[in-house]
């Protein structure tokens, strides 16, 4: 369930960037790309350090993400943001590693969906 949520004041982030981010998030989290969600909000009002130069805020969510991987992920995201004109010193990244009980899907939680099915034979 990795989620990459980018907010930036960069205008018109290219559609191809979404696909590039999706593939990178799948690689970084070692999860299927089919489970990756990418949200990009571009052309929004952001000021960073009293300047409206290109800047960004990223929220990166992934169940099971380890703290020791944050620096590697941060470097990768910084390189992606550079591709759309956001310098390394003009963004913040927030990391979230929610429990499967705190993520909903299909009207339940991922914890419930991942419970083993009981093998009950009815005669």
N, C-alpha and C. Protein backbone atom coordinates (compact mmCIF):
# COMPACT_ATOMS: atom_id res chain seq x y z
N UNK A 1 0.80 -1.20 0.00
CA UNK A 1 0.00 0.00 0.00
C UNK A 1 0.83 1.25 0.00
N UNK A 2 2.03 1.21 -0.55
CA UNK A 2 2.81 2.46 -0.51
C UNK A 2 2.03 3.61 -1.14
N UNK A 3 2.11 4.75 -0.47
CA UNK A 3 1.48 5.97 -0.99
C UNK A 3 2.53 7.07 -1.03
N UNK A 4 2.65 7.69 -2.18
CA UNK A 4 3.55 8.83 -2.39
C UNK A 4 2.66 10.02 -2.69
N UNK A 5 2.66 11.02 -1.80
CA UNK A 5 1.79 12.19 -1.96
C UNK A 5 2.69 13.42 -2.05
N UNK A 6 2.71 14.02 -3.23
CA UNK A 6 3.53 15.19 -3.51
C UNK A 6 2.65 16.43 -3.65
N UNK A 7 3.04 17.48 -2.95
CA UNK A 7 2.45 18.80 -3.13
C UNK A 7 3.58 19.72 -3.56
N UNK A 8 3.38 20.44 -4.65
CA UNK A 8 4.44 21.31 -5.15
C UNK A 8 3.86 22.55 -5.82
N UNK A 9 4.67 23.60 -5.84
CA UNK A 9 4.26 24.80 -6.56
C UNK A 9 4.77 24.79 -8.00
N UNK A 10 5.42 23.72 -8.40
CA UNK A 10 5.85 23.57 -9.79
C UNK A 10 4.60 23.46 -10.65
N UNK A 11 4.60 24.19 -11.75
CA UNK A 11 3.44 24.17 -12.64
C UNK A 11 3.55 23.01 -13.62
N UNK A 12 2.42 22.36 -13.85
CA UNK A 12 2.30 21.34 -14.89
C UNK A 12 3.36 20.24 -14.82
N UNK A 13 3.38 19.52 -13.73
CA UNK A 13 4.26 18.35 -13.62
C UNK A 13 3.84 17.37 -14.72
N UNK A 14 4.79 16.90 -15.52
CA UNK A 14 4.42 16.03 -16.64
C UNK A 14 3.79 14.71 -16.19
N UNK A 15 2.85 14.22 -16.99
CA UNK A 15 2.19 12.95 -16.70
C UNK A 15 3.19 11.82 -16.57
N UNK A 16 4.26 11.86 -17.34
CA UNK A 16 5.27 10.80 -17.30
C UNK A 16 5.95 10.71 -15.93
N UNK A 17 5.92 11.78 -15.16
CA UNK A 17 6.53 11.79 -13.83
C UNK A 17 5.79 10.84 -12.89
N UNK A 18 4.48 10.74 -13.03
CA UNK A 18 3.68 9.86 -12.18
C UNK A 18 4.14 8.41 -12.35
N UNK A 19 4.30 7.98 -13.59
CA UNK A 19 4.74 6.62 -13.87
C UNK A 19 6.15 6.37 -13.33
N UNK A 20 7.02 7.35 -13.50
CA UNK A 20 8.40 7.23 -13.00
C UNK A 20 8.41 7.08 -11.48
N UNK A 21 7.59 7.88 -10.79
CA UNK A 21 7.50 7.81 -9.33
C UNK A 21 6.94 6.46 -8.90
N UNK A 22 5.90 6.00 -9.57
CA UNK A 22 5.27 4.73 -9.23
C UNK A 22 6.27 3.58 -9.29
N UNK A 23 7.04 3.53 -10.35
CA UNK A 23 8.04 2.47 -10.50
C UNK A 23 9.11 2.58 -9.41
N UNK A 24 9.55 3.79 -9.10
CA UNK A 24 10.59 3.99 -8.09
C UNK A 24 10.08 3.60 -6.70
N UNK A 25 8.84 3.96 -6.38
CA UNK A 25 8.27 3.61 -5.07
C UNK A 25 8.16 2.09 -4.95
N UNK A 26 7.74 1.41 -6.00
CA UNK A 26 7.66 -0.05 -5.97
C UNK A 26 9.04 -0.65 -5.71
N UNK A 27 10.05 -0.12 -6.36
CA UNK A 27 11.41 -0.61 -6.17
C UNK A 27 11.89 -0.34 -4.74
N UNK A 28 11.69 0.87 -4.27
CA UNK A 28 12.16 1.26 -2.94
C UNK A 28 11.51 0.44 -1.82
N UNK A 29 10.25 0.08 -2.00
CA UNK A 29 9.51 -0.64 -0.96
C UNK A 29 9.47 -2.15 -1.18
N UNK A 30 9.98 -2.58 -2.34
CA UNK A 30 9.96 -3.99 -2.70
C UNK A 30 8.52 -4.54 -2.70
N UNK A 31 7.63 -3.72 -3.23
CA UNK A 31 6.21 -4.11 -3.32
C UNK A 31 5.75 -4.00 -4.77
N UNK A 32 4.70 -4.71 -5.09
CA UNK A 32 4.17 -4.69 -6.46
C UNK A 32 3.71 -3.28 -6.83
N UNK A 33 4.04 -2.87 -8.05
CA UNK A 33 3.63 -1.54 -8.49
C UNK A 33 2.10 -1.41 -8.51
N UNK A 34 1.41 -2.52 -8.70
CA UNK A 34 -0.06 -2.50 -8.71
C UNK A 34 -0.63 -2.03 -7.37
N UNK A 35 0.17 -2.09 -6.31
CA UNK A 35 -0.31 -1.67 -4.98
C UNK A 35 0.14 -0.25 -4.62
N UNK A 36 0.88 0.40 -5.51
CA UNK A 36 1.41 1.74 -5.25
C UNK A 36 0.39 2.80 -5.65
N UNK A 37 0.21 3.80 -4.77
CA UNK A 37 -0.64 4.96 -5.09
C UNK A 37 0.26 6.20 -5.15
N UNK A 38 0.12 6.96 -6.23
CA UNK A 38 0.86 8.21 -6.39
C UNK A 38 -0.15 9.34 -6.53
N UNK A 39 -0.01 10.34 -5.68
CA UNK A 39 -0.87 11.53 -5.73
C UNK A 39 0.04 12.73 -5.96
N UNK A 40 -0.26 13.50 -6.99
CA UNK A 40 0.54 14.69 -7.27
C UNK A 40 -0.39 15.89 -7.37
N UNK A 41 -0.15 16.85 -6.49
CA UNK A 41 -0.86 18.13 -6.53
C UNK A 41 0.17 19.18 -6.95
N UNK A 42 0.04 19.65 -8.19
CA UNK A 42 0.99 20.65 -8.66
C UNK A 42 0.32 22.02 -8.75
N UNK A 43 1.16 23.02 -8.97
CA UNK A 43 0.68 24.39 -9.14
C UNK A 43 -0.11 24.89 -7.92
N UNK A 44 0.32 24.49 -6.72
CA UNK A 44 -0.34 25.01 -5.52
C UNK A 44 0.55 26.07 -4.88
N UNK A 45 -0.03 26.84 -4.00
CA UNK A 45 0.72 27.92 -3.35
C UNK A 45 1.57 27.35 -2.23
N UNK A 46 2.88 27.52 -2.35
CA UNK A 46 3.82 27.09 -1.32
C UNK A 46 4.88 28.17 -1.17
N UNK A 47 5.19 28.49 0.06
CA UNK A 47 6.35 29.31 0.33
C UNK A 47 7.28 28.51 1.24
N UNK A 48 8.55 28.59 0.98
CA UNK A 48 9.56 27.86 1.75
C UNK A 48 10.72 28.82 1.94
N UNK A 49 11.04 29.12 3.18
CA UNK A 49 12.13 30.05 3.44
C UNK A 49 11.87 31.44 2.88
N UNK A 50 10.63 31.89 2.99
CA UNK A 50 10.21 33.23 2.52
C UNK A 50 10.36 33.38 1.01
N UNK A 51 10.30 32.27 0.27
CA UNK A 51 10.46 32.33 -1.19
C UNK A 51 9.43 31.43 -1.85
N UNK A 52 8.94 31.86 -3.01
CA UNK A 52 8.01 31.02 -3.76
C UNK A 52 8.73 30.29 -4.91
N UNK A 53 10.05 30.15 -4.82
CA UNK A 53 10.81 29.35 -5.79
C UNK A 53 10.32 27.91 -5.70
N UNK A 54 10.59 27.08 -6.73
CA UNK A 54 10.11 25.70 -6.70
C UNK A 54 10.42 24.99 -5.37
N UNK A 55 9.38 24.39 -4.81
CA UNK A 55 9.47 23.72 -3.51
C UNK A 55 8.46 22.57 -3.50
N UNK A 56 8.62 21.69 -2.51
CA UNK A 56 7.71 20.55 -2.44
C UNK A 56 7.62 20.00 -1.02
N UNK A 57 6.50 19.33 -0.78
CA UNK A 57 6.28 18.57 0.44
C UNK A 57 5.86 17.18 0.00
N UNK A 58 6.51 16.15 0.56
CA UNK A 58 6.19 14.77 0.21
C UNK A 58 5.82 14.01 1.47
N UNK A 59 4.75 13.24 1.37
CA UNK A 59 4.40 12.28 2.41
C UNK A 59 4.57 10.90 1.80
N UNK A 60 5.35 10.07 2.47
CA UNK A 60 5.66 8.74 1.97
C UNK A 60 5.18 7.72 3.00
N UNK A 61 4.19 6.92 2.62
CA UNK A 61 3.59 5.94 3.53
C UNK A 61 3.90 4.53 3.01
N UNK A 62 4.29 3.64 3.91
CA UNK A 62 4.47 2.25 3.52
C UNK A 62 4.47 1.37 4.77
N UNK A 63 3.59 0.39 4.77
CA UNK A 63 3.54 -0.58 5.87
C UNK A 63 4.87 -1.33 5.91
N UNK A 64 5.42 -1.44 7.09
CA UNK A 64 6.64 -2.21 7.26
C UNK A 64 7.93 -1.46 6.92
N UNK A 65 7.84 -0.19 6.57
CA UNK A 65 9.04 0.58 6.24
C UNK A 65 9.90 0.75 7.49
N UNK A 66 11.18 0.48 7.34
CA UNK A 66 12.11 0.57 8.45
C UNK A 66 12.80 1.93 8.48
N UNK A 67 13.01 2.46 9.67
CA UNK A 67 13.65 3.76 9.86
C UNK A 67 15.01 3.81 9.16
N UNK A 68 15.74 2.71 9.18
CA UNK A 68 17.06 2.73 8.57
C UNK A 68 17.04 2.88 7.06
N UNK A 69 15.88 2.76 6.44
CA UNK A 69 15.75 2.96 4.99
C UNK A 69 15.37 4.40 4.62
N UNK A 70 15.04 5.22 5.58
CA UNK A 70 14.59 6.58 5.30
C UNK A 70 15.62 7.39 4.51
N UNK A 71 16.89 7.29 4.84
CA UNK A 71 17.91 8.07 4.14
C UNK A 71 18.02 7.66 2.68
N UNK A 72 17.95 6.37 2.41
CA UNK A 72 18.01 5.88 1.02
C UNK A 72 16.80 6.37 0.24
N UNK A 73 15.63 6.26 0.85
CA UNK A 73 14.39 6.71 0.21
C UNK A 73 14.44 8.22 -0.01
N UNK A 74 14.93 8.95 0.98
CA UNK A 74 15.04 10.40 0.87
C UNK A 74 15.93 10.81 -0.31
N UNK A 75 17.04 10.14 -0.45
CA UNK A 75 17.95 10.45 -1.57
C UNK A 75 17.26 10.20 -2.91
N UNK A 76 16.55 9.09 -3.02
CA UNK A 76 15.85 8.76 -4.26
C UNK A 76 14.77 9.78 -4.57
N UNK A 77 14.00 10.17 -3.56
CA UNK A 77 12.93 11.16 -3.77
C UNK A 77 13.54 12.51 -4.15
N UNK A 78 14.63 12.89 -3.50
CA UNK A 78 15.29 14.16 -3.84
C UNK A 78 15.71 14.17 -5.31
N UNK A 79 16.20 13.05 -5.80
CA UNK A 79 16.60 12.97 -7.21
C UNK A 79 15.39 13.06 -8.14
N UNK A 80 14.28 12.44 -7.74
CA UNK A 80 13.05 12.55 -8.53
C UNK A 80 12.57 14.00 -8.58
N UNK A 81 12.59 14.67 -7.43
CA UNK A 81 12.12 16.06 -7.37
C UNK A 81 13.00 16.98 -8.20
N UNK A 82 14.29 16.68 -8.25
CA UNK A 82 15.21 17.48 -9.07
C UNK A 82 14.78 17.43 -10.53
N UNK A 83 14.22 16.28 -10.97
CA UNK A 83 13.76 16.12 -12.35
C UNK A 83 12.65 17.10 -12.72
N UNK A 84 11.88 17.56 -11.72
CA UNK A 84 10.81 18.52 -12.01
C UNK A 84 11.19 19.94 -11.56
N UNK A 85 12.46 20.12 -11.20
CA UNK A 85 12.95 21.46 -10.90
C UNK A 85 12.96 21.87 -9.44
N UNK A 86 12.75 20.91 -8.54
CA UNK A 86 12.79 21.21 -7.11
C UNK A 86 14.17 20.84 -6.58
N UNK A 87 14.96 21.83 -6.15
CA UNK A 87 16.30 21.54 -5.64
C UNK A 87 16.27 20.75 -4.33
N UNK A 88 17.39 20.12 -4.01
CA UNK A 88 17.51 19.30 -2.80
C UNK A 88 17.20 20.07 -1.53
N UNK A 89 17.45 21.37 -1.52
CA UNK A 89 17.24 22.16 -0.29
C UNK A 89 15.88 22.85 -0.24
N UNK A 90 14.94 22.43 -1.10
CA UNK A 90 13.64 23.11 -1.17
C UNK A 90 12.48 22.13 -0.98
N UNK A 91 12.68 21.10 -0.18
CA UNK A 91 11.58 20.17 0.10
C UNK A 91 11.77 19.51 1.45
N UNK A 92 10.66 19.00 1.97
CA UNK A 92 10.66 18.15 3.15
C UNK A 92 9.94 16.85 2.78
N UNK A 93 10.37 15.76 3.41
CA UNK A 93 9.74 14.46 3.23
C UNK A 93 9.33 13.96 4.60
N UNK A 94 8.08 13.54 4.72
CA UNK A 94 7.59 12.95 5.97
C UNK A 94 7.37 11.47 5.71
N UNK A 95 7.89 10.64 6.61
CA UNK A 95 7.76 9.19 6.48
C UNK A 95 6.72 8.67 7.46
N UNK A 96 5.88 7.76 6.97
CA UNK A 96 4.86 7.12 7.80
C UNK A 96 4.90 5.62 7.55
N UNK A 97 4.92 4.84 8.61
CA UNK A 97 4.89 3.38 8.52
C UNK A 97 3.68 2.89 9.32
N UNK A 98 2.49 3.02 8.74
CA UNK A 98 1.29 2.65 9.50
C UNK A 98 1.19 1.14 9.73
N UNK A 99 0.50 0.79 10.77
CA UNK A 99 0.19 -0.61 11.04
C UNK A 99 -0.92 -1.03 10.06
N UNK A 100 -0.95 -2.29 9.66
CA UNK A 100 -2.03 -2.75 8.78
C UNK A 100 -3.43 -2.53 9.38
N UNK A 101 -3.51 -2.40 10.70
CA UNK A 101 -4.80 -2.12 11.33
C UNK A 101 -5.24 -0.68 11.10
N UNK A 102 -4.32 0.17 10.66
CA UNK A 102 -4.62 1.59 10.44
C UNK A 102 -4.78 1.95 8.97
N UNK A 103 -4.92 0.94 8.11
CA UNK A 103 -5.11 1.18 6.68
C UNK A 103 -6.36 0.43 6.23
N UNK A 104 -7.32 1.17 5.69
CA UNK A 104 -8.56 0.57 5.24
C UNK A 104 -8.55 0.27 3.76
N UNK A 105 -9.23 -0.82 3.38
CA UNK A 105 -9.39 -1.19 1.98
C UNK A 105 -10.55 -2.19 1.89
N UNK A 106 -11.34 -2.06 0.86
CA UNK A 106 -12.44 -2.99 0.61
C UNK A 106 -13.42 -3.09 1.77
N UNK A 107 -13.61 -1.99 2.48
CA UNK A 107 -14.56 -1.97 3.58
C UNK A 107 -14.07 -2.62 4.86
N UNK A 108 -12.78 -2.88 4.93
CA UNK A 108 -12.20 -3.46 6.13
C UNK A 108 -10.79 -2.91 6.29
N UNK A 109 -9.93 -3.59 7.00
CA UNK A 109 -8.54 -3.13 7.13
C UNK A 109 -7.60 -4.14 6.47
N UNK A 110 -6.40 -3.70 6.18
CA UNK A 110 -5.42 -4.62 5.60
C UNK A 110 -5.09 -5.75 6.56
N UNK A 111 -5.14 -5.46 7.85
CA UNK A 111 -4.89 -6.52 8.84
C UNK A 111 -5.92 -7.64 8.69
N UNK A 112 -7.18 -7.26 8.53
CA UNK A 112 -8.24 -8.26 8.37
C UNK A 112 -8.10 -9.00 7.04
N UNK A 113 -7.77 -8.26 5.98
CA UNK A 113 -7.63 -8.89 4.67
C UNK A 113 -6.47 -9.88 4.63
N UNK A 114 -5.45 -9.64 5.43
CA UNK A 114 -4.26 -10.50 5.42
C UNK A 114 -4.32 -11.66 6.41
N UNK A 115 -5.42 -11.77 7.15
CA UNK A 115 -5.57 -12.90 8.08
C UNK A 115 -5.66 -14.19 7.28
N UNK A 116 -5.02 -15.24 7.78
CA UNK A 116 -5.12 -16.52 7.08
C UNK A 116 -6.55 -17.04 7.11
N UNK A 117 -6.93 -17.62 6.02
CA UNK A 117 -8.27 -18.21 5.93
C UNK A 117 -8.27 -19.56 6.63
N UNK A 118 -9.33 -19.81 7.36
CA UNK A 118 -9.44 -21.10 8.04
C UNK A 118 -9.87 -22.17 7.05
N UNK A 119 -9.24 -23.32 7.13
CA UNK A 119 -9.63 -24.44 6.30
C UNK A 119 -10.69 -25.25 7.07
N UNK A 120 -11.92 -24.89 6.87
CA UNK A 120 -13.02 -25.58 7.54
C UNK A 120 -13.74 -26.42 6.51
N UNK A 121 -13.86 -27.69 6.82
CA UNK A 121 -14.59 -28.58 5.92
C UNK A 121 -15.96 -28.83 6.51
N UNK A 122 -16.97 -28.55 5.73
CA UNK A 122 -18.35 -28.77 6.18
C UNK A 122 -18.89 -29.99 5.44
N UNK A 123 -19.49 -30.92 6.21
CA UNK A 123 -20.08 -32.11 5.60
C UNK A 123 -21.57 -32.02 5.60
